[in-house]
PDB file of N, CA and C in Angstrom:
ATOM      1  N   MET A   1      -5.616 -57.946 -15.709  1.00  0.00           N
ATOM      2  CA  MET A   1      -5.944 -56.722 -16.402  1.00  0.00           C
ATOM      3  C   MET A   1      -7.140 -56.022 -15.757  1.00  0.00           C
ATOM      4  N   LEU A   2      -8.163 -56.793 -15.436  1.00  0.00           N
ATOM      5  CA  LEU A   2      -9.350 -56.235 -14.808  1.00  0.00           C
ATOM      6  C   LEU A   2      -9.020 -55.693 -13.427  1.00  0.00           C
ATOM      7  N   LYS A   3      -8.148 -56.391 -12.705  1.00  0.00           N
ATOM      8  CA  LYS A   3      -7.742 -55.959 -11.375  1.00  0.00           C
ATOM      9  C   LYS A   3      -6.977 -54.642 -11.456  1.00  0.00           C
ATOM     10  N   LYS A   4      -6.152 -54.464 -12.487  1.00  0.00           N
ATOM     11  CA  LYS A   4      -5.377 -53.253 -12.667  1.00  0.00           C
ATOM     12  C   LYS A   4      -6.294 -52.058 -12.945  1.00  0.00           C
ATOM     13  N   LYS A   5      -7.321 -52.254 -13.764  1.00  0.00           N
ATOM     14  CA  LYS A   5      -8.295 -51.195 -14.042  1.00  0.00           C
ATOM     15  C   LYS A   5      -9.058 -50.820 -12.780  1.00  0.00           C
ATOM     16  N   PHE A   6      -9.421 -51.825 -12.000  1.00  0.00           N
ATOM     17  CA  PHE A   6     -10.151 -51.590 -10.754  1.00  0.00           C
ATOM     18  C   PHE A   6      -9.322 -50.732  -9.808  1.00  0.00           C
ATOM     19  N   TYR A   7      -8.040 -51.070  -9.635  1.00  0.00           N
ATOM     20  CA  TYR A   7      -7.175 -50.289  -8.752  1.00  0.00           C
ATOM     21  C   TYR A   7      -6.952 -48.872  -9.294  1.00  0.00           C
ATOM     22  N   THR A   8      -6.864 -48.745 -10.592  1.00  0.00           N
ATOM     23  CA  THR A   8      -6.703 -47.425 -11.203  1.00  0.00           C
ATOM     24  C   THR A   8      -7.924 -46.561 -10.934  1.00  0.00           C
ATOM     25  N   ILE A   9      -9.100 -47.155 -11.062  1.00  0.00           N
ATOM     26  CA  ILE A   9     -10.342 -46.410 -10.787  1.00  0.00           C
ATOM     27  C   ILE A   9     -10.414 -46.027  -9.314  1.00  0.00           C
ATOM     28  N   ILE A  10     -10.034 -46.936  -8.431  1.00  0.00           N
ATOM     29  CA  ILE A  10     -10.031 -46.641  -6.993  1.00  0.00           C
ATOM     30  C   ILE A  10      -9.061 -45.505  -6.693  1.00  0.00           C
ATOM     31  N   TYR A  11      -7.848 -45.552  -7.248  1.00  0.00           N
ATOM     32  CA  TYR A  11      -6.859 -44.489  -7.032  1.00  0.00           C
ATOM     33  C   TYR A  11      -7.364 -43.154  -7.563  1.00  0.00           C
ATOM     34  N   LEU A  12      -7.979 -43.152  -8.723  1.00  0.00           N
ATOM     35  CA  LEU A  12      -8.515 -41.918  -9.289  1.00  0.00           C
ATOM     36  C   LEU A  12      -9.661 -41.361  -8.432  1.00  0.00           C
ATOM     37  N   ALA A  13     -10.507 -42.259  -7.921  1.00  0.00           N
ATOM     38  CA  ALA A  13     -11.609 -41.818  -7.056  1.00  0.00           C
ATOM     39  C   ALA A  13     -11.070 -41.194  -5.768  1.00  0.00           C
ATOM     40  N   ILE A  14     -10.065 -41.842  -5.195  1.00  0.00           N
ATOM     41  CA  ILE A  14      -9.452 -41.301  -3.971  1.00  0.00           C
ATOM     42  C   ILE A  14      -8.790 -39.955  -4.264  1.00  0.00           C
ATOM     43  N   LEU A  15      -8.093 -39.873  -5.372  1.00  0.00           N
ATOM     44  CA  LEU A  15      -7.444 -38.629  -5.766  1.00  0.00           C
ATOM     45  C   LEU A  15      -8.477 -37.522  -5.995  1.00  0.00           C
ATOM     46  N   LEU A  16      -9.584 -37.865  -6.623  1.00  0.00           N
ATOM     47  CA  LEU A  16     -10.656 -36.902  -6.850  1.00  0.00           C
ATOM     48  C   LEU A  16     -11.251 -36.428  -5.531  1.00  0.00           C
ATOM     49  N   LEU A  17     -11.432 -37.334  -4.589  1.00  0.00           N
ATOM     50  CA  LEU A  17     -11.944 -36.944  -3.270  1.00  0.00           C
ATOM     51  C   LEU A  17     -10.966 -36.012  -2.551  1.00  0.00           C
ATOM     52  N   ILE A  18      -9.696 -36.327  -2.637  1.00  0.00           N
ATOM     53  CA  ILE A  18      -8.687 -35.488  -1.979  1.00  0.00           C
ATOM     54  C   ILE A  18      -8.665 -34.087  -2.604  1.00  0.00           C
ATOM     55  N   ILE A  19      -8.684 -34.030  -3.928  1.00  0.00           N
ATOM     56  CA  ILE A  19      -8.684 -32.735  -4.611  1.00  0.00           C
ATOM     57  C   ILE A  19      -9.951 -31.950  -4.286  1.00  0.00           C
ATOM     58  N   THR A  20     -11.083 -32.620  -4.268  1.00  0.00           N
ATOM     59  CA  THR A  20     -12.345 -31.962  -3.922  1.00  0.00           C
ATOM     60  C   THR A  20     -12.289 -31.416  -2.501  1.00  0.00           C
ATOM     61  N   PHE A  21     -11.744 -32.201  -1.580  1.00  0.00           N
ATOM     62  CA  PHE A  21     -11.613 -31.746  -0.198  1.00  0.00           C
ATOM     63  C   PHE A  21     -10.689 -30.538  -0.117  1.00  0.00           C
ATOM     64  N   MET A  22      -9.574 -30.565  -0.846  1.00  0.00           N
ATOM     65  CA  MET A  22      -8.604 -29.472  -0.793  1.00  0.00           C
ATOM     66  C   MET A  22      -9.152 -28.176  -1.384  1.00  0.00           C
ATOM     67  N   VAL A  23     -10.078 -28.280  -2.303  1.00  0.00           N
ATOM     68  CA  VAL A  23     -10.605 -27.080  -2.952  1.00  0.00           C
ATOM     69  C   VAL A  23     -11.862 -26.561  -2.268  1.00  0.00           C
ATOM     70  N   PHE A  24     -12.797 -27.439  -1.933  1.00  0.00           N
ATOM     71  CA  PHE A  24     -14.123 -26.995  -1.520  1.00  0.00           C
ATOM     72  C   PHE A  24     -14.427 -27.092  -0.027  1.00  0.00           C
ATOM     73  N   SER A  25     -13.572 -27.654   0.782  1.00  0.00           N
ATOM     74  CA  SER A  25     -13.889 -27.794   2.203  1.00  0.00           C
ATOM     75  C   SER A  25     -13.670 -26.473   2.931  1.00  0.00           C
ATOM     76  N   ASP A  26     -13.992 -26.451   4.227  1.00  0.00           N
ATOM     77  CA  ASP A  26     -13.788 -25.256   5.043  1.00  0.00           C
ATOM     78  C   ASP A  26     -12.308 -24.939   5.224  1.00  0.00           C
ATOM     79  N   PHE A  27     -11.454 -25.879   4.947  1.00  0.00           N
ATOM     80  CA  PHE A  27     -10.010 -25.671   5.057  1.00  0.00           C
ATOM     81  C   PHE A  27      -9.367 -25.606   3.678  1.00  0.00           C
ATOM     82  N   GLY A  28     -10.175 -25.473   2.643  1.00  0.00           N
ATOM     83  CA  GLY A  28      -9.693 -25.563   1.274  1.00  0.00           C
ATOM     84  C   GLY A  28      -9.261 -24.246   0.661  1.00  0.00           C
ATOM     85  N   LEU A  29      -8.949 -24.336  -0.594  1.00  0.00           N
ATOM     86  CA  LEU A  29      -8.411 -23.224  -1.350  1.00  0.00           C
ATOM     87  C   LEU A  29      -9.416 -22.091  -1.509  1.00  0.00           C
ATOM     88  N   LEU A  30     -10.655 -22.399  -1.813  1.00  0.00           N
ATOM     89  CA  LEU A  30     -11.664 -21.359  -1.998  1.00  0.00           C
ATOM     90  C   LEU A  30     -11.916 -20.580  -0.707  1.00  0.00           C
ATOM     91  N   LYS A  31     -11.961 -21.286   0.401  1.00  0.00           N
ATOM     92  CA  LYS A  31     -12.161 -20.622   1.684  1.00  0.00           C
ATOM     93  C   LYS A  31     -10.975 -19.725   2.007  1.00  0.00           C
ATOM     94  N   ARG A  32      -9.780 -20.180   1.696  1.00  0.00           N
ATOM     95  CA  ARG A  32      -8.579 -19.369   1.940  1.00  0.00           C
ATOM     96  C   ARG A  32      -8.607 -18.081   1.122  1.00  0.00           C
ATOM     97  N   ILE A  33      -8.995 -18.176  -0.143  1.00  0.00           N
ATOM     98  CA  ILE A  33      -9.081 -16.990  -0.992  1.00  0.00           C
ATOM     99  C   ILE A  33     -10.110 -16.018  -0.432  1.00  0.00           C
ATOM    100  N   GLU A  34     -11.246 -16.536  -0.001  1.00  0.00           N
ATOM    101  CA  GLU A  34     -12.294 -15.704   0.584  1.00  0.00           C
ATOM    102  C   GLU A  34     -11.799 -15.006   1.848  1.00  0.00           C
ATOM    103  N   LEU A  35     -11.108 -15.744   2.704  1.00  0.00           N
ATOM    104  CA  LEU A  35     -10.598 -15.162   3.943  1.00  0.00           C
ATOM    105  C   LEU A  35      -9.499 -14.135   3.675  1.00  0.00           C
ATOM    106  N   GLU A  36      -8.680 -14.363   2.669  1.00  0.00           N
ATOM    107  CA  GLU A  36      -7.637 -13.394   2.312  1.00  0.00           C
ATOM    108  C   GLU A  36      -8.256 -12.078   1.848  1.00  0.00           C
ATOM    109  N   SER A  37      -9.296 -12.151   1.034  1.00  0.00           N
ATOM    110  CA  SER A  37      -9.942 -10.920   0.562  1.00  0.00           C
ATOM    111  C   SER A  37     -10.621 -10.191   1.720  1.00  0.00           C
ATOM    112  N   GLU A  38     -11.215 -10.943   2.639  1.00  0.00           N
ATOM    113  CA  GLU A  38     -11.824 -10.324   3.823  1.00  0.00           C
ATOM    114  C   GLU A  38     -10.760  -9.666   4.693  1.00  0.00           C
ATOM    115  N   LYS A  39      -9.619 -10.330   4.830  1.00  0.00           N
ATOM    116  CA  LYS A  39      -8.507  -9.777   5.607  1.00  0.00           C
ATOM    117  C   LYS A  39      -8.024  -8.467   5.001  1.00  0.00           C
ATOM    118  N   ASN A  40      -7.861  -8.440   3.677  1.00  0.00           N
ATOM    119  CA  ASN A  40      -7.409  -7.221   3.012  1.00  0.00           C
ATOM    120  C   ASN A  40      -8.401  -6.080   3.189  1.00  0.00           C
ATOM    121  N   ALA A  41      -9.694  -6.388   3.114  1.00  0.00           N
ATOM    122  CA  ALA A  41     -10.715  -5.363   3.318  1.00  0.00           C
ATOM    123  C   ALA A  41     -10.660  -4.826   4.745  1.00  0.00           C
ATOM    124  N   LEU A  42     -10.475  -5.710   5.713  1.00  0.00           N
ATOM    125  CA  LEU A  42     -10.391  -5.277   7.104  1.00  0.00           C
ATOM    126  C   LEU A  42      -9.144  -4.444   7.369  1.00  0.00           C
ATOM    127  N   LEU A  43      -8.030  -4.802   6.754  1.00  0.00           N
ATOM    128  CA  LEU A  43      -6.810  -4.011   6.917  1.00  0.00           C
ATOM    129  C   LEU A  43      -6.969  -2.620   6.310  1.00  0.00           C
ATOM    130  N   GLU A  44      -7.635  -2.546   5.171  1.00  0.00           N
ATOM    131  CA  GLU A  44      -7.889  -1.247   4.551  1.00  0.00           C
ATOM    132  C   GLU A  44      -8.804  -0.403   5.434  1.00  0.00           C
ATOM    133  N   ASN A  45      -9.828  -1.025   5.977  1.00  0.00           N
ATOM    134  CA  ASN A  45     -10.751  -0.329   6.877  1.00  0.00           C
ATOM    135  C   ASN A  45     -10.016   0.145   8.125  1.00  0.00           C
ATOM    136  N   LYS A  46      -9.113  -0.682   8.620  1.00  0.00           N
ATOM    137  CA  LYS A  46      -8.335  -0.316   9.803  1.00  0.00           C
ATOM    138  C   LYS A  46      -7.490   0.918   9.531  1.00  0.00           C
ATOM    139  N   SER A  47      -6.842   0.964   8.380  1.00  0.00           N
ATOM    140  CA  SER A  47      -5.994   2.115   8.069  1.00  0.00           C
ATOM    141  C   SER A  47      -6.831   3.393   7.932  1.00  0.00           C
ATOM    142  N   LYS A  48      -8.033   3.286   7.360  1.00  0.00           N
ATOM    143  CA  LYS A  48      -8.924   4.446   7.276  1.00  0.00           C
ATOM    144  C   LYS A  48      -9.330   4.920   8.670  1.00  0.00           C
ATOM    145  N   GLU A  49      -9.653   3.982   9.536  1.00  0.00           N
ATOM    146  CA  GLU A  49     -10.057   4.340  10.896  1.00  0.00           C
ATOM    147  C   GLU A  49      -8.904   4.966  11.677  1.00  0.00           C
ATOM    148  N   ILE A  50      -7.680   4.506  11.435  1.00  0.00           N
ATOM    149  CA  ILE A  50      -6.518   5.096  12.097  1.00  0.00           C
ATOM    150  C   ILE A  50      -6.336   6.537  11.634  1.00  0.00           C
ATOM    151  N   MET A  51      -6.530   6.799  10.343  1.00  0.00           N
ATOM    152  CA  MET A  51      -6.421   8.168   9.837  1.00  0.00           C
ATOM    153  C   MET A  51      -7.485   9.068  10.465  1.00  0.00           C
ATOM    154  N   ILE A  52      -8.704   8.568  10.592  1.00  0.00           N
ATOM    155  CA  ILE A  52      -9.782   9.341  11.213  1.00  0.00           C
ATOM    156  C   ILE A  52      -9.449   9.617  12.671  1.00  0.00           C
ATOM    157  N   ARG A  53      -8.951   8.596  13.369  1.00  0.00           N
ATOM    158  CA  ARG A  53      -8.582   8.765  14.772  1.00  0.00           C
ATOM    159  C   ARG A  53      -7.492   9.818  14.942  1.00  0.00           C
ATOM    160  N   ASP A  54      -6.491   9.779  14.075  1.00  0.00           N
ATOM    161  CA  ASP A  54      -5.404  10.751  14.169  1.00  0.00           C
ATOM    162  C   ASP A  54      -5.888  12.172  13.900  1.00  0.00           C
ATOM    163  N   SER A  55      -6.779  12.338  12.919  1.00  0.00           N
ATOM    164  CA  SER A  55      -7.303  13.675  12.644  1.00  0.00           C
ATOM    165  C   SER A  55      -8.154  14.179  13.804  1.00  0.00           C
ATOM    166  N   LEU A  56      -8.903  13.281  14.433  1.00  0.00           N
ATOM    167  CA  LEU A  56      -9.693  13.684  15.596  1.00  0.00           C
ATOM    168  C   LEU A  56      -8.805  14.049  16.778  1.00  0.00           C
ATOM    169  N   LYS A  57      -7.695  13.331  16.936  1.00  0.00           N
ATOM    170  CA  LYS A  57      -6.759  13.669  18.010  1.00  0.00           C
ATOM    171  C   LYS A  57      -6.159  15.050  17.792  1.00  0.00           C
ATOM    172  N   SER A  58      -5.786  15.356  16.547  1.00  0.00           N
ATOM    173  CA  SER A  58      -5.203  16.674  16.287  1.00  0.00           C
ATOM    174  C   SER A  58      -6.239  17.775  16.472  1.00  0.00           C
ATOM    175  N   ALA A  59      -7.497  17.521  16.078  1.00  0.00           N
ATOM    176  CA  ALA A  59      -8.562  18.509  16.304  1.00  0.00           C
ATOM    177  C   ALA A  59      -8.783  18.721  17.794  1.00  0.00           C
ATOM    178  N   LYS A  60      -8.727  17.652  18.558  1.00  0.00           N
ATOM    179  CA  LYS A  60      -8.890  17.763  20.010  1.00  0.00           C
ATOM    180  C   LYS A  60      -7.758  18.597  20.622  1.00  0.00           C
ATOM    181  N   MET A  61      -6.531  18.352  20.164  1.00  0.00           N
ATOM    182  CA  MET A  61      -5.399  19.118  20.679  1.00  0.00           C
ATOM    183  C   MET A  61      -5.537  20.599  20.340  1.00  0.00           C
ATOM    184  N   ARG A  62      -6.005  20.903  19.114  1.00  0.00           N
ATOM    185  CA  ARG A  62      -6.217  22.304  18.733  1.00  0.00           C
ATOM    186  C   ARG A  62      -7.259  22.956  19.622  1.00  0.00           C
ATOM    187  N   LEU A  63      -8.339  22.231  19.892  1.00  0.00           N
ATOM    188  CA  LEU A  63      -9.407  22.803  20.714  1.00  0.00           C
ATOM    189  C   LEU A  63      -8.980  22.981  22.164  1.00  0.00           C
ATOM    190  N   GLU A  64      -8.083  22.142  22.633  1.00  0.00           N
ATOM    191  CA  GLU A  64      -7.626  22.261  24.018  1.00  0.00           C
ATOM    192  C   GLU A  64      -6.623  23.393  24.212  1.00  0.00           C
ATOM    193  N   SER A  65      -5.913  23.781  23.153  1.00  0.00           N
ATOM    194  CA  SER A  65      -4.825  24.726  23.355  1.00  0.00           C
ATOM    195  C   SER A  65      -4.958  26.038  22.578  1.00  0.00           C
ATOM    196  N   ASP A  66      -5.706  26.086  21.511  1.00  0.00           N
ATOM    197  CA  ASP A  66      -5.737  27.261  20.652  1.00  0.00           C
ATOM    198  C   ASP A  66      -7.023  28.048  20.863  1.00  0.00           C
ATOM    199  N   PHE A  67      -6.904  29.232  21.462  1.00  0.00           N
ATOM    200  CA  PHE A  67      -8.078  30.046  21.755  1.00  0.00           C
ATOM    201  C   PHE A  67      -8.738  30.544  20.472  1.00  0.00           C
ATOM    202  N   THR A  68      -7.945  30.856  19.448  1.00  0.00           N
ATOM    203  CA  THR A  68      -8.531  31.353  18.200  1.00  0.00           C
ATOM    204  C   THR A  68      -9.382  30.284  17.513  1.00  0.00           C
ATOM    205  N   GLU A  69      -8.995  29.032  17.633  1.00  0.00           N
ATOM    206  CA  GLU A  69      -9.795  27.937  17.066  1.00  0.00           C
ATOM    207  C   GLU A  69     -11.123  27.814  17.807  1.00  0.00           C
ATOM    208  N   ILE A  70     -11.073  27.941  19.103  1.00  0.00           N
ATOM    209  CA  ILE A  70     -12.308  27.885  19.906  1.00  0.00           C
ATOM    210  C   ILE A  70     -13.224  29.048  19.525  1.00  0.00           C
ATOM    211  N   GLU A  71     -12.643  30.235  19.378  1.00  0.00           N
ATOM    212  CA  GLU A  71     -13.433  31.412  19.008  1.00  0.00           C
ATOM    213  C   GLU A  71     -14.029  31.253  17.613  1.00  0.00           C
ATOM    214  N   ARG A  72     -13.262  30.709  16.664  1.00  0.00           N
ATOM    215  CA  ARG A  72     -13.760  30.495  15.307  1.00  0.00           C
ATOM    216  C   ARG A  72     -14.964  29.560  15.301  1.00  0.00           C
ATOM    217  N   ILE A  73     -14.871  28.486  16.053  1.00  0.00           N
ATOM    218  CA  ILE A  73     -15.986  27.529  16.111  1.00  0.00           C
ATOM    219  C   ILE A  73     -17.203  28.165  16.787  1.00  0.00           C
ATOM    220  N   ALA A  74     -16.960  28.919  17.855  1.00  0.00           N
ATOM    221  CA  ALA A  74     -18.074  29.582  18.544  1.00  0.00           C
ATOM    222  C   ALA A  74     -18.769  30.572  17.621  1.00  0.00           C
ATOM    223  N   ARG A  75     -18.017  31.296  16.812  1.00  0.00           N
ATOM    224  CA  ARG A  75     -18.616  32.262  15.891  1.00  0.00           C
ATOM    225  C   ARG A  75     -19.352  31.565  14.749  1.00  0.00           C
ATOM    226  N   GLU A  76     -18.766  30.522  14.163  1.00  0.00           N
ATOM    227  CA  GLU A  76     -19.379  29.860  13.019  1.00  0.00           C
ATOM    228  C   GLU A  76     -20.632  29.068  13.385  1.00  0.00           C
ATOM    229  N   TYR A  77     -20.543  28.296  14.435  1.00  0.00           N
ATOM    230  CA  TYR A  77     -21.633  27.365  14.741  1.00  0.00           C
ATOM    231  C   TYR A  77     -22.645  27.900  15.756  1.00  0.00           C
ATOM    232  N   TYR A  78     -22.212  28.778  16.633  1.00  0.00           N
ATOM    233  CA  TYR A  78     -23.099  29.207  17.711  1.00  0.00           C
ATOM    234  C   TYR A  78     -23.430  30.695  17.660  1.00  0.00           C
ATOM    235  N   GLY A  79     -22.936  31.418  16.656  1.00  0.00           N
ATOM    236  CA  GLY A  79     -23.286  32.819  16.498  1.00  0.00           C
ATOM    237  C   GLY A  79     -22.712  33.710  17.586  1.00  0.00           C
ATOM    238  N   TYR A  80     -21.567  33.368  18.112  1.00  0.00           N
ATOM    239  CA  TYR A  80     -20.920  34.138  19.174  1.00  0.00           C
ATOM    240  C   TYR A  80     -20.543  35.529  18.663  1.00  0.00           C
ATOM    241  N   ILE A  81     -20.894  36.550  19.444  1.00  0.00           N
ATOM    242  CA  ILE A  81     -20.576  37.938  19.119  1.00  0.00           C
ATOM    243  C   ILE A  81     -19.921  38.563  20.340  1.00  0.00           C
ATOM    244  N   ILE A  82     -18.818  39.255  20.110  1.00  0.00           N
ATOM    245  CA  ILE A  82     -18.142  39.963  21.201  1.00  0.00           C
ATOM    246  C   ILE A  82     -18.965  41.199  21.538  1.00  0.00           C
ATOM    247  N   PRO A  83     -19.159  41.507  22.821  1.00  0.00           N
ATOM    248  CA  PRO A  83     -19.917  42.716  23.198  1.00  0.00           C
ATOM    249  C   PRO A  83     -19.312  43.967  22.554  1.00  0.00           C
ATOM    250  N   GLY A  84     -20.186  44.796  21.969  1.00  0.00           N
ATOM    251  CA  GLY A  84     -19.755  46.015  21.303  1.00  0.00           C
ATOM    252  C   GLY A  84     -19.455  45.801  19.829  1.00  0.00           C
ATOM    253  N   GLU A  85     -19.547  44.576  19.345  1.00  0.00           N
ATOM    254  CA  GLU A  85     -19.247  44.259  17.955  1.00  0.00           C
ATOM    255  C   GLU A  85     -20.489  44.504  17.109  1.00  0.00           C
ATOM    256  N   THR A  86     -20.326  45.062  15.919  1.00  0.00           N
ATOM    257  CA  THR A  86     -21.441  45.312  15.003  1.00  0.00           C
ATOM    258  C   THR A  86     -21.521  44.154  14.013  1.00  0.00           C
ATOM    259  N   VAL A  87     -22.712  43.593  13.836  1.00  0.00           N
ATOM    260  CA  VAL A  87     -22.912  42.452  12.937  1.00  0.00           C
ATOM    261  C   VAL A  87     -23.658  42.937  11.707  1.00  0.00           C
ATOM    262  N   TYR A  88     -23.132  42.601  10.544  1.00  0.00           N
ATOM    263  CA  TYR A  88     -23.769  42.918   9.277  1.00  0.00           C
ATOM    264  C   TYR A  88     -24.235  41.628   8.620  1.00  0.00           C
ATOM    265  N   ILE A  89     -25.499  41.583   8.210  1.00  0.00           N
ATOM    266  CA  ILE A  89     -26.050  40.405   7.553  1.00  0.00           C
ATOM    267  C   ILE A  89     -26.180  40.724   6.072  1.00  0.00           C
ATOM    268  N   ILE A  90     -25.532  39.937   5.231  1.00  0.00           N
ATOM    269  CA  ILE A  90     -25.556  40.153   3.787  1.00  0.00           C
ATOM    270  C   ILE A  90     -26.427  39.082   3.165  1.00  0.00           C
ATOM    271  N   SER A  91     -27.390  39.503   2.382  1.00  0.00           N
ATOM    272  CA  SER A  91     -28.309  38.579   1.734  1.00  0.00           C
ATOM    273  C   SER A  91     -27.888  38.358   0.288  1.00  0.00           C
ATOM    274  N   ASN A  92     -27.955  37.124  -0.174  1.00  0.00           N
ATOM    275  CA  ASN A  92     -27.581  36.777  -1.537  1.00  0.00           C
ATOM    276  C   ASN A  92     -28.770  36.782  -2.486  1.00  0.00           C
ATOM    277  N   SER A  93     -29.967  36.865  -2.005  1.00  0.00           N
ATOM    278  CA  SER A  93     -31.147  36.770  -2.862  1.00  0.00           C
ATOM    279  C   SER A  93     -31.266  38.018  -3.724  1.00  0.00           C
ATOM    280  N   LYS A  94     -31.749  37.853  -4.976  1.00  0.00           N
ATOM    281  CA  LYS A  94     -31.877  38.976  -5.930  1.00  0.00           C
ATOM    282  C   LYS A  94     -33.282  39.486  -5.992  1.00  0.00           C
TER     283      LYS A  94
END
C-alpha cells in the first residue's frame, strides 16, 4: 500500500513537471500565445505599410506624368505665379 502511494506521488510529480514545462517554458503554451499576438500585430502593420507604399507609388506616378498636378503643388507649396498673373490676397481677420 505504501509503495503504491509512493508511485502515485512520483507519477503526479512527473505529470506536474511535464504540464509546467508545456505551459511555462520557452516552447510552451504561454510563449506560443505571445508569439501569435506579436505575429498578428506585425501582419497588421505590414498591411498598413503596403497601403502607404501603394499610395506613395500612385502619387509618384501622378507627379511624373500629370503637369496639372505639378503646377498645383508648385502653386500651393512654393507660391508659383505665372508671369502676367494678378495675385489677390484675402485676409480673414476682422
